[in-house]
Amino acid sequence: MKAVAAIGMIVLLAGCASRGEPEGSFFDPVCMPDGSVSWRQLANDKGEYTKPLATRENCSWNKPAAK
């Protein structure tokens, strides 16, 4: 039973690897240019992942305070 659980975990983790989605986490997300939080990137009509528009620099809490 442990072997089945281990194989299942490996398959699950392998399915999530290198999908070209924005880097980020629940506590440090990435944001779109309009400042909205982005949790994942969807593929285009061809099934390709282009360069993500969402970055950490777009988040309002990562921008320097105005003087």
PDB file of N, CA and C in Angstrom:
ATOM      1  N   MET A   1       0.813  -1.197   0.000  1.00  0.00           N
ATOM      2  CA  MET A   1       0.000   0.000   0.000  1.00  0.00           C
ATOM      3  C   MET A   1       0.860   1.265   0.000  1.00  0.00           C
ATOM      4  N   LYS A   2       1.972   1.243   0.732  1.00  0.00           N
ATOM      5  CA  LYS A   2       2.853   2.403   0.766  1.00  0.00           C
ATOM      6  C   LYS A   2       3.456   2.679  -0.605  1.00  0.00           C
ATOM      7  N   ALA A   3       3.765   1.621  -1.341  1.00  0.00           N
ATOM      8  CA  ALA A   3       4.340   1.788  -2.675  1.00  0.00           C
ATOM      9  C   ALA A   3       3.339   2.449  -3.610  1.00  0.00           C
ATOM     10  N   VAL A   4       2.087   2.082  -3.520  1.00  0.00           N
ATOM     11  CA  VAL A   4       1.050   2.680  -4.362  1.00  0.00           C
ATOM     12  C   VAL A   4       0.899   4.163  -4.030  1.00  0.00           C
ATOM     13  N   ALA A   5       0.922   4.501  -2.749  1.00  0.00           N
ATOM     14  CA  ALA A   5       0.822   5.899  -2.334  1.00  0.00           C
ATOM     15  C   ALA A   5       2.030   6.695  -2.826  1.00  0.00           C
ATOM     16  N   ALA A   6       3.211   6.125  -2.748  1.00  0.00           N
ATOM     17  CA  ALA A   6       4.425   6.806  -3.208  1.00  0.00           C
ATOM     18  C   ALA A   6       4.383   7.042  -4.716  1.00  0.00           C
ATOM     19  N   ILE A   7       3.964   6.043  -5.468  1.00  0.00           N
ATOM     20  CA  ILE A   7       3.874   6.185  -6.924  1.00  0.00           C
ATOM     21  C   ILE A   7       2.820   7.228  -7.283  1.00  0.00           C
ATOM     22  N   GLY A   8       1.708   7.214  -6.571  1.00  0.00           N
ATOM     23  CA  GLY A   8       0.664   8.205  -6.815  1.00  0.00           C
ATOM     24  C   GLY A   8       1.147   9.624  -6.560  1.00  0.00           C
ATOM     25  N   MET A   9       1.913   9.823  -5.512  1.00  0.00           N
ATOM     26  CA  MET A   9       2.449  11.144  -5.193  1.00  0.00           C
ATOM     27  C   MET A   9       3.436  11.596  -6.259  1.00  0.00           C
ATOM     28  N   ILE A  10       4.262  10.705  -6.747  1.00  0.00           N
ATOM     29  CA  ILE A  10       5.233  11.044  -7.800  1.00  0.00           C
ATOM     30  C   ILE A  10       4.512  11.451  -9.076  1.00  0.00           C
ATOM     31  N   VAL A  11       3.481  10.723  -9.446  1.00  0.00           N
ATOM     32  CA  VAL A  11       2.711  11.039 -10.650  1.00  0.00           C
ATOM     33  C   VAL A  11       2.021  12.397 -10.490  1.00  0.00           C
ATOM     34  N   LEU A  12       1.462  12.641  -9.316  1.00  0.00           N
ATOM     35  CA  LEU A  12       0.797  13.915  -9.054  1.00  0.00           C
ATOM     36  C   LEU A  12       1.771  15.082  -9.161  1.00  0.00           C
ATOM     37  N   LEU A  13       2.933  14.968  -8.560  1.00  0.00           N
ATOM     38  CA  LEU A  13       3.926  16.039  -8.612  1.00  0.00           C
ATOM     39  C   LEU A  13       4.494  16.225 -10.010  1.00  0.00           C
ATOM     40  N   ALA A  14       4.668  15.139 -10.751  1.00  0.00           N
ATOM     41  CA  ALA A  14       5.194  15.240 -12.117  1.00  0.00           C
ATOM     42  C   ALA A  14       4.207  15.954 -13.027  1.00  0.00           C
ATOM     43  N   GLY A  15       2.921  15.796 -12.768  1.00  0.00           N
ATOM     44  CA  GLY A  15       1.908  16.469 -13.578  1.00  0.00           C
ATOM     45  C   GLY A  15       1.892  17.972 -13.383  1.00  0.00           C
ATOM     46  N   CYS A  16       2.396  18.456 -12.281  1.00  0.00           N
ATOM     47  CA  CYS A  16       2.395  19.892 -11.976  1.00  0.00           C
ATOM     48  C   CYS A  16       3.699  20.580 -12.349  1.00  0.00           C
ATOM     49  N   ALA A  17       4.664  19.863 -12.817  1.00  0.00           N
ATOM     50  CA  ALA A  17       5.993  20.432 -13.068  1.00  0.00           C
ATOM     51  C   ALA A  17       6.041  21.176 -14.400  1.00  0.00           C
ATOM     52  N   SER A  18       6.695  22.306 -14.418  1.00  0.00           N
ATOM     53  CA  SER A  18       7.035  23.120 -15.603  1.00  0.00           C
ATOM     54  C   SER A  18       5.877  23.316 -16.565  1.00  0.00           C
ATOM     55  N   ARG A  19       4.837  23.969 -16.106  1.00  0.00           N
ATOM     56  CA  ARG A  19       3.702  24.247 -16.966  1.00  0.00           C
ATOM     57  C   ARG A  19       3.711  25.677 -17.479  1.00  0.00           C
ATOM     58  N   GLY A  20       4.726  26.451 -17.171  1.00  0.00           N
ATOM     59  CA  GLY A  20       4.828  27.810 -17.683  1.00  0.00           C
ATOM     60  C   GLY A  20       3.885  28.786 -17.019  1.00  0.00           C
ATOM     61  N   GLU A  21       3.401  28.476 -15.849  1.00  0.00           N
ATOM     62  CA  GLU A  21       2.491  29.370 -15.161  1.00  0.00           C
ATOM     63  C   GLU A  21       3.277  30.402 -14.361  1.00  0.00           C
ATOM     64  N   PRO A  22       2.618  31.508 -14.017  1.00  0.00           N
ATOM     65  CA  PRO A  22       3.328  32.524 -13.228  1.00  0.00           C
ATOM     66  C   PRO A  22       3.845  31.958 -11.922  1.00  0.00           C
ATOM     67  N   GLU A  23       5.009  32.401 -11.524  1.00  0.00           N
ATOM     68  CA  GLU A  23       5.563  31.992 -10.246  1.00  0.00           C
ATOM     69  C   GLU A  23       4.903  32.813  -9.158  1.00  0.00           C
ATOM     70  N   GLY A  24       4.589  32.195  -8.097  1.00  0.00           N
ATOM     71  CA  GLY A  24       3.975  32.892  -6.982  1.00  0.00           C
ATOM     72  C   GLY A  24       3.394  31.879  -6.023  1.00  0.00           C
ATOM     73  N   SER A  25       2.985  32.363  -4.885  1.00  0.00           N
ATOM     74  CA  SER A  25       2.390  31.489  -3.895  1.00  0.00           C
ATOM     75  C   SER A  25       1.245  32.220  -3.222  1.00  0.00           C
ATOM     76  N   PHE A  26       0.582  31.563  -2.316  1.00  0.00           N
ATOM     77  CA  PHE A  26      -0.539  32.164  -1.609  1.00  0.00           C
ATOM     78  C   PHE A  26      -0.101  33.389  -0.817  1.00  0.00           C
ATOM     79  N   PHE A  27       1.074  33.336  -0.212  1.00  0.00           N
ATOM     80  CA  PHE A  27       1.558  34.442   0.600  1.00  0.00           C
ATOM     81  C   PHE A  27       2.368  35.467  -0.191  1.00  0.00           C
ATOM     82  N   ASP A  28       2.784  35.144  -1.401  1.00  0.00           N
ATOM     83  CA  ASP A  28       3.537  36.067  -2.253  1.00  0.00           C
ATOM     84  C   ASP A  28       3.073  35.884  -3.695  1.00  0.00           C
ATOM     85  N   PRO A  29       1.844  36.353  -4.013  1.00  0.00           N
ATOM     86  CA  PRO A  29       1.291  36.119  -5.353  1.00  0.00           C
ATOM     87  C   PRO A  29       1.893  37.062  -6.392  1.00  0.00           C
ATOM     88  N   VAL A  30       1.550  36.809  -7.632  1.00  0.00           N
ATOM     89  CA  VAL A  30       1.912  37.693  -8.733  1.00  0.00           C
ATOM     90  C   VAL A  30       0.650  38.437  -9.155  1.00  0.00           C
ATOM     91  N   CYS A  31       0.832  39.620  -9.778  1.00  0.00           N
ATOM     92  CA  CYS A  31      -0.309  40.456 -10.148  1.00  0.00           C
ATOM     93  C   CYS A  31      -0.250  40.824 -11.628  1.00  0.00           C
ATOM     94  N   MET A  32      -1.424  41.051 -12.198  1.00  0.00           N
ATOM     95  CA  MET A  32      -1.546  41.499 -13.577  1.00  0.00           C
ATOM     96  C   MET A  32      -1.199  42.989 -13.636  1.00  0.00           C
ATOM     97  N   PRO A  33      -0.992  43.557 -14.840  1.00  0.00           N
ATOM     98  CA  PRO A  33      -0.642  44.975 -14.946  1.00  0.00           C
ATOM     99  C   PRO A  33      -1.666  45.920 -14.304  1.00  0.00           C
ATOM    100  N   ASP A  34      -2.930  45.502 -14.203  1.00  0.00           N
ATOM    101  CA  ASP A  34      -3.938  46.355 -13.564  1.00  0.00           C
ATOM    102  C   ASP A  34      -3.937  46.231 -12.047  1.00  0.00           C
ATOM    103  N   GLY A  35      -3.069  45.376 -11.489  1.00  0.00           N
ATOM    104  CA  GLY A  35      -2.949  45.220 -10.047  1.00  0.00           C
ATOM    105  C   GLY A  35      -3.742  44.064  -9.466  1.00  0.00           C
ATOM    106  N   SER A  36      -4.543  43.373 -10.268  1.00  0.00           N
ATOM    107  CA  SER A  36      -5.316  42.249  -9.755  1.00  0.00           C
ATOM    108  C   SER A  36      -4.425  41.020  -9.589  1.00  0.00           C
ATOM    109  N   VAL A  37      -4.731  40.221  -8.580  1.00  0.00           N
ATOM    110  CA  VAL A  37      -3.932  39.031  -8.281  1.00  0.00           C
ATOM    111  C   VAL A  37      -4.210  37.950  -9.318  1.00  0.00           C
ATOM    112  N   SER A  38      -3.167  37.291  -9.779  1.00  0.00           N
ATOM    113  CA  SER A  38      -3.282  36.210 -10.759  1.00  0.00           C
ATOM    114  C   SER A  38      -2.828  34.909 -10.114  1.00  0.00           C
ATOM    115  N   TRP A  39      -3.688  33.911 -10.113  1.00  0.00           N
ATOM    116  CA  TRP A  39      -3.355  32.628  -9.498  1.00  0.00           C
ATOM    117  C   TRP A  39      -2.813  31.626 -10.500  1.00  0.00           C
ATOM    118  N   ARG A  40      -3.224  31.733 -11.778  1.00  0.00           N
ATOM    119  CA  ARG A  40      -2.723  30.800 -12.779  1.00  0.00           C
ATOM    120  C   ARG A  40      -2.839  31.412 -14.156  1.00  0.00           C
ATOM    121  N   GLN A  41      -2.112  30.855 -15.112  1.00  0.00           N
ATOM    122  CA  GLN A  41      -2.139  31.304 -16.492  1.00  0.00           C
ATOM    123  C   GLN A  41      -2.793  30.216 -17.324  1.00  0.00           C
ATOM    124  N   LEU A  42      -3.696  30.620 -18.192  1.00  0.00           N
ATOM    125  CA  LEU A  42      -4.353  29.673 -19.080  1.00  0.00           C
ATOM    126  C   LEU A  42      -3.618  29.626 -20.408  1.00  0.00           C
ATOM    127  N   ALA A  43      -3.675  28.495 -21.071  1.00  0.00           N
ATOM    128  CA  ALA A  43      -3.042  28.335 -22.377  1.00  0.00           C
ATOM    129  C   ALA A  43      -3.859  29.067 -23.440  1.00  0.00           C
ATOM    130  N   ASN A  44      -3.198  29.452 -24.536  1.00  0.00           N
ATOM    131  CA  ASN A  44      -3.920  30.080 -25.637  1.00  0.00           C
ATOM    132  C   ASN A  44      -4.639  29.008 -26.458  1.00  0.00           C
ATOM    133  N   ASP A  45      -5.238  29.406 -27.584  1.00  0.00           N
ATOM    134  CA  ASP A  45      -6.017  28.470 -28.403  1.00  0.00           C
ATOM    135  C   ASP A  45      -5.181  27.315 -28.953  1.00  0.00           C
ATOM    136  N   LYS A  46      -3.874  27.507 -29.075  1.00  0.00           N
ATOM    137  CA  LYS A  46      -2.984  26.467 -29.594  1.00  0.00           C
ATOM    138  C   LYS A  46      -2.462  25.551 -28.489  1.00  0.00           C
ATOM    139  N   GLY A  47      -2.835  25.838 -27.243  1.00  0.00           N
ATOM    140  CA  GLY A  47      -2.367  25.023 -26.126  1.00  0.00           C
ATOM    141  C   GLY A  47      -0.991  25.414 -25.629  1.00  0.00           C
ATOM    142  N   GLU A  48      -0.523  26.600 -26.020  1.00  0.00           N
ATOM    143  CA  GLU A  48       0.806  27.060 -25.640  1.00  0.00           C
ATOM    144  C   GLU A  48       0.710  28.064 -24.493  1.00  0.00           C
ATOM    145  N   TYR A  49       1.729  28.094 -23.673  1.00  0.00           N
ATOM    146  CA  TYR A  49       1.846  29.089 -22.619  1.00  0.00           C
ATOM    147  C   TYR A  49       2.845  30.138 -23.075  1.00  0.00           C
ATOM    148  N   THR A  50       2.392  31.375 -23.229  1.00  0.00           N
ATOM    149  CA  THR A  50       3.278  32.457 -23.638  1.00  0.00           C
ATOM    150  C   THR A  50       3.911  33.068 -22.392  1.00  0.00           C
ATOM    151  N   LYS A  51       4.701  34.101 -22.582  1.00  0.00           N
ATOM    152  CA  LYS A  51       5.332  34.767 -21.440  1.00  0.00           C
ATOM    153  C   LYS A  51       4.238  35.337 -20.539  1.00  0.00           C
ATOM    154  N   PRO A  52       4.263  35.026 -19.257  1.00  0.00           N
ATOM    155  CA  PRO A  52       3.222  35.530 -18.353  1.00  0.00           C
ATOM    156  C   PRO A  52       3.252  37.051 -18.225  1.00  0.00           C
ATOM    157  N   LEU A  53       2.087  37.658 -18.190  1.00  0.00           N
ATOM    158  CA  LEU A  53       1.973  39.096 -17.964  1.00  0.00           C
ATOM    159  C   LEU A  53       2.055  39.428 -16.486  1.00  0.00           C
ATOM    160  N   ALA A  54       1.736  38.458 -15.639  1.00  0.00           N
ATOM    161  CA  ALA A  54       1.702  38.678 -14.198  1.00  0.00           C
ATOM    162  C   ALA A  54       3.112  38.618 -13.609  1.00  0.00           C
ATOM    163  N   THR A  55       3.441  39.632 -12.814  1.00  0.00           N
ATOM    164  CA  THR A  55       4.730  39.682 -12.126  1.00  0.00           C
ATOM    165  C   THR A  55       4.521  40.196 -10.709  1.00  0.00           C
ATOM    166  N   ARG A  56       5.498  40.014  -9.872  1.00  0.00           N
ATOM    167  CA  ARG A  56       5.425  40.534  -8.503  1.00  0.00           C
ATOM    168  C   ARG A  56       5.488  42.060  -8.490  1.00  0.00           C
ATOM    169  N   GLU A  57       6.166  42.656  -9.473  1.00  0.00           N
ATOM    170  CA  GLU A  57       6.312  44.112  -9.521  1.00  0.00           C
ATOM    171  C   GLU A  57       4.985  44.817  -9.767  1.00  0.00           C
ATOM    172  N   ASN A  58       3.996  44.137 -10.337  1.00  0.00           N
ATOM    173  CA  ASN A  58       2.695  44.745 -10.604  1.00  0.00           C
ATOM    174  C   ASN A  58       1.828  44.851  -9.357  1.00  0.00           C
ATOM    175  N   CYS A  59       2.181  44.164  -8.296  1.00  0.00           N
ATOM    176  CA  CYS A  59       1.383  44.183  -7.060  1.00  0.00           C
ATOM    177  C   CYS A  59       1.620  45.495  -6.316  1.00  0.00           C
ATOM    178  N   SER A  60       0.531  46.078  -5.811  1.00  0.00           N
ATOM    179  CA  SER A  60       0.640  47.379  -5.150  1.00  0.00           C
ATOM    180  C   SER A  60       1.520  47.323  -3.906  1.00  0.00           C
ATOM    181  N   TRP A  61       1.561  46.187  -3.206  1.00  0.00           N
ATOM    182  CA  TRP A  61       2.370  46.090  -1.992  1.00  0.00           C
ATOM    183  C   TRP A  61       3.852  45.909  -2.287  1.00  0.00           C
ATOM    184  N   ASN A  62       4.229  45.696  -3.549  1.00  0.00           N
ATOM    185  CA  ASN A  62       5.632  45.589  -3.918  1.00  0.00           C
ATOM    186  C   ASN A  62       6.166  46.883  -4.527  1.00  0.00           C
ATOM    187  N   LYS A  63       5.312  47.882  -4.683  1.00  0.00           N
ATOM    188  CA  LYS A  63       5.738  49.164  -5.261  1.00  0.00           C
ATOM    189  C   LYS A  63       6.179  50.101  -4.144  1.00  0.00           C
ATOM    190  N   PRO A  64       7.176  50.927  -4.406  1.00  0.00           N
ATOM    191  CA  PRO A  64       7.625  51.877  -3.379  1.00  0.00           C
ATOM    192  C   PRO A  64       6.525  52.887  -3.066  1.00  0.00           C
ATOM    193  N   ALA A  65       6.475  53.340  -1.840  1.00  0.00           N
ATOM    194  CA  ALA A  65       5.474  54.321  -1.421  1.00  0.00           C
ATOM    195  C   ALA A  65       5.725  55.660  -2.088  1.00  0.00           C
ATOM    196  N   ALA A  66       4.641  56.336  -2.478  1.00  0.00           N
ATOM    197  CA  ALA A  66       4.758  57.660  -3.105  1.00  0.00           C
ATOM    198  C   ALA A  66       5.123  58.698  -2.051  1.00  0.00           C
ATOM    199  N   LYS A  67       5.927  59.664  -2.465  1.00  0.00           N
ATOM    200  CA  LYS A  67       6.355  60.723  -1.525  1.00  0.00           C
ATOM    201  C   LYS A  67       5.502  61.946  -1.670  1.00  0.00           C
TER     202      LYS A  67
END
